[in-house]
C-alpha atoms as a PDB file:
ATOM      1  CA  UNK A   1      29.241  56.769 134.208  1.00  0.00           C
ATOM      2  CA  UNK A   2      29.862  55.199 130.969  1.00  0.00           C
ATOM      3  CA  UNK A   3      32.694  52.664 130.317  1.00  0.00           C
ATOM      4  CA  UNK A   4      35.263  52.591 127.619  1.00  0.00           C
ATOM      5  CA  UNK A   5      37.396  50.014 126.343  1.00  0.00           C
ATOM      6  CA  UNK A   6      41.331  51.162 125.526  1.00  0.00           C
ATOM      7  CA  UNK A   7      43.852  49.479 124.421  1.00  0.00           C
ATOM      8  CA  UNK A   8      47.345  51.196 124.755  1.00  0.00           C
ATOM      9  CA  UNK A   9      51.076  49.551 124.443  1.00  0.00           C
ATOM     10  CA  UNK A  10      53.262  48.086 127.335  1.00  0.00           C
ATOM     11  CA  UNK A  11      55.693  51.392 127.834  1.00  0.00           C
ATOM     12  CA  UNK A  12      52.458  53.605 128.064  1.00  0.00           C
ATOM     13  CA  UNK A  13      50.807  51.613 130.386  1.00  0.00           C
ATOM     14  CA  UNK A  14      53.358  51.012 132.458  1.00  0.00           C
ATOM     15  CA  UNK A  15      53.871  54.895 132.828  1.00  0.00           C
ATOM     16  CA  UNK A  16      50.472  55.757 133.199  1.00  0.00           C
ATOM     17  CA  UNK A  17      50.607  52.965 136.338  1.00  0.00           C
ATOM     18  CA  UNK A  18      53.541  54.737 137.887  1.00  0.00           C
ATOM     19  CA  UNK A  19      52.676  57.687 137.715  1.00  0.00           C
ATOM     20  CA  UNK A  20      49.074  57.111 139.245  1.00  0.00           C
ATOM     21  CA  UNK A  21      50.959  55.195 142.111  1.00  0.00           C
ATOM     22  CA  UNK A  22      53.052  58.366 142.448  1.00  0.00           C
ATOM     23  CA  UNK A  23      50.063  60.670 143.077  1.00  0.00           C
ATOM     24  CA  UNK A  24      48.594  57.896 145.254  1.00  0.00           C
ATOM     25  CA  UNK A  25      45.662  57.556 142.585  1.00  0.00           C
ATOM     26  CA  UNK A  26      44.041  54.632 140.906  1.00  0.00           C
ATOM     27  CA  UNK A  27      45.266  54.460 137.304  1.00  0.00           C
ATOM     28  CA  UNK A  28      41.581  54.812 136.134  1.00  0.00           C
ATOM     29  CA  UNK A  29      41.365  57.759 137.968  1.00  0.00           C
ATOM     30  CA  UNK A  30      44.703  59.097 136.541  1.00  0.00           C
ATOM     31  CA  UNK A  31      43.504  58.635 132.993  1.00  0.00           C
ATOM     32  CA  UNK A  32      40.349  60.129 133.824  1.00  0.00           C
ATOM     33  CA  UNK A  33      41.962  63.177 135.001  1.00  0.00           C
ATOM     34  CA  UNK A  34      44.286  63.137 132.114  1.00  0.00           C
ATOM     35  CA  UNK A  35      41.589  63.088 129.725  1.00  0.00           C
ATOM     36  CA  UNK A  36      39.472  66.064 131.697  1.00  0.00           C
ATOM     37  CA  UNK A  37      42.754  68.604 131.656  1.00  0.00           C
ATOM     38  CA  UNK A  38      43.034  67.651 127.915  1.00  0.00           C
ATOM     39  CA  UNK A  39      39.436  68.418 127.413  1.00  0.00           C
ATOM     40  CA  UNK A  40      40.031  71.768 129.306  1.00  0.00           C
ATOM     41  CA  UNK A  41      43.051  72.543 127.365  1.00  0.00           C
ATOM     42  CA  UNK A  42      41.452  72.250 124.012  1.00  0.00           C
ATOM     43  CA  UNK A  43      38.150  73.828 125.190  1.00  0.00           C
ATOM     44  CA  UNK A  44      40.369  76.823 126.714  1.00  0.00           C
ATOM     45  CA  UNK A  45      39.013  80.859 125.773  1.00  0.00           C
ATOM     46  CA  UNK A  46      42.494  81.426 123.753  1.00  0.00           C
ATOM     47  CA  UNK A  47      43.104  78.603 121.146  1.00  0.00           C
ATOM     48  CA  UNK A  48      46.595  78.253 119.749  1.00  0.00           C
ATOM     49  CA  UNK A  49      45.848  79.861 116.063  1.00  0.00           C
ATOM     50  CA  UNK A  50      45.463  83.165 117.921  1.00  0.00           C
ATOM     51  CA  UNK A  51      48.506  83.089 119.842  1.00  0.00           C
ATOM     52  CA  UNK A  52      50.800  81.896 116.294  1.00  0.00           C
ATOM     53  CA  UNK A  53      48.774  85.102 114.811  1.00  0.00           C
ATOM     54  CA  UNK A  54      49.958  87.054 117.395  1.00  0.00           C
ATOM     55  CA  UNK A  55      53.780  85.638 116.781  1.00  0.00           C
ATOM     56  CA  UNK A  56      53.392  85.642 113.140  1.00  0.00           C
ATOM     57  CA  UNK A  57      52.358  89.969 113.650  1.00  0.00           C
ATOM     58  CA  UNK A  58      55.501  90.327 116.158  1.00  0.00           C
ATOM     59  CA  UNK A  59      57.768  88.509 113.313  1.00  0.00           C
ATOM     60  CA  UNK A  60      56.558  91.326 110.881  1.00  0.00           C
ATOM     61  CA  UNK A  61      56.978  94.240 112.625  1.00  0.00           C
ATOM     62  CA  UNK A  62      60.557  92.895 113.481  1.00  0.00           C
ATOM     63  CA  UNK A  63      61.263  92.323 109.954  1.00  0.00           C
ATOM     64  CA  UNK A  64      59.950  95.828 109.136  1.00  0.00           C
ATOM     65  CA  UNK A  65      62.041  97.252 111.996  1.00  0.00           C
ATOM     66  CA  UNK A  66      65.041  95.496 111.095  1.00  0.00           C
ATOM     67  CA  UNK A  67      64.773  96.604 107.366  1.00  0.00           C
ATOM     68  CA  UNK A  68      64.125 100.423 108.456  1.00  0.00           C
ATOM     69  CA  UNK A  69      67.232 100.115 110.649  1.00  0.00           C
ATOM     70  CA  UNK A  70      69.169  98.672 107.785  1.00  0.00           C
ATOM     71  CA  UNK A  71      68.046 101.577 105.665  1.00  0.00           C
ATOM     72  CA  UNK A  72      69.131 104.397 107.971  1.00  0.00           C
ATOM     73  CA  UNK A  73      72.383 102.589 108.299  1.00  0.00           C
ATOM     74  CA  UNK A  74      73.161 102.433 104.708  1.00  0.00           C
ATOM     75  CA  UNK A  75      71.766 105.784 104.515  1.00  0.00           C
ATOM     76  CA  UNK A  76      74.326 107.236 107.215  1.00  0.00           C
ATOM     77  CA  UNK A  77      77.539 105.502 105.305  1.00  0.00           C
ATOM     78  CA  UNK A  78      76.625 106.506 101.826  1.00  0.00           C
ATOM     79  CA  UNK A  79      75.768 110.150 102.795  1.00  0.00           C
ATOM     80  CA  UNK A  80      77.514 111.284 106.057  1.00  0.00           C
ATOM     81  CA  UNK A  81      80.591 109.994 104.692  1.00  0.00           C
ATOM     82  CA  UNK A  82      82.079 109.533 108.192  1.00  0.00           C
ATOM     83  CA  UNK A  83      80.982 112.543 109.543  1.00  0.00           C
ATOM     84  CA  UNK A  84      77.391 112.691 110.805  1.00  0.00           C
ATOM     85  CA  UNK A  85      77.661 116.750 111.640  1.00  0.00           C
ATOM     86  CA  UNK A  86      78.386 117.508 108.363  1.00  0.00           C
ATOM     87  CA  UNK A  87      75.172 115.885 106.943  1.00  0.00           C
ATOM     88  CA  UNK A  88      72.772 116.594 109.852  1.00  0.00           C
ATOM     89  CA  UNK A  89      69.899 117.389 107.413  1.00  0.00           C
ATOM     90  CA  UNK A  90      70.178 114.427 105.579  1.00  0.00           C
ATOM     91  CA  UNK A  91      70.376 112.415 108.584  1.00  0.00           C
ATOM     92  CA  UNK A  92      67.630 113.910 110.002  1.00  0.00           C
ATOM     93  CA  UNK A  93      65.532 113.034 106.687  1.00  0.00           C
ATOM     94  CA  UNK A  94      66.777 109.180 106.543  1.00  0.00           C
ATOM     95  CA  UNK A  95      65.568 108.827 110.443  1.00  0.00           C
ATOM     96  CA  UNK A  96      62.346 110.738 109.370  1.00  0.00           C
ATOM     97  CA  UNK A  97      61.483 108.537 106.701  1.00  0.00           C
ATOM     98  CA  UNK A  98      62.835 105.489 108.705  1.00  0.00           C
ATOM     99  CA  UNK A  99      60.075 106.256 111.471  1.00  0.00           C
ATOM    100  CA  UNK A 100      57.377 107.033 109.146  1.00  0.00           C
ATOM    101  CA  UNK A 101      57.892 103.198 107.579  1.00  0.00           C
ATOM    102  CA  UNK A 102      57.337 101.670 111.040  1.00  0.00           C
ATOM    103  CA  UNK A 103      55.121 104.243 112.300  1.00  0.00           C
ATOM    104  CA  UNK A 104      51.923 102.370 111.306  1.00  0.00           C
ATOM    105  CA  UNK A 105      52.806  99.442 113.540  1.00  0.00           C
ATOM    106  CA  UNK A 106      53.295 100.746 116.470  1.00  0.00           C
ATOM    107  CA  UNK A 107      50.971 103.912 116.566  1.00  0.00           C
ATOM    108  CA  UNK A 108      51.775 106.890 119.405  1.00  0.00           C
ATOM    109  CA  UNK A 109      54.533 104.880 120.609  1.00  0.00           C
ATOM    110  CA  UNK A 110      57.408 105.979 118.155  1.00  0.00           C
ATOM    111  CA  UNK A 111      57.770 109.762 118.838  1.00  0.00           C
ATOM    112  CA  UNK A 112      61.204 111.461 118.047  1.00  0.00           C
END
């Protein structure tokens, strides 16, 4: 086993020692275990960037859905004039256009 010299501040040293005692381990064993866990996490199959890009894609989808919803609301207010049954054809066109705007994000999951 290789040996490494490591300099750490007093606060960190006391925290490591206290946690090692709680786990009934030596401080050196506890530090080795922390390093192993850190390396295992770093070598995980799904890096953080993939999760981050998934979040960005979800944000883009939600923004598109929100904008299309606002489009529907705007057209309901402007075209229906409060009476939705009188202008059902215009309302149906607005809804169809909004669905077209978001369909590419969700594929076949959005249906009339």
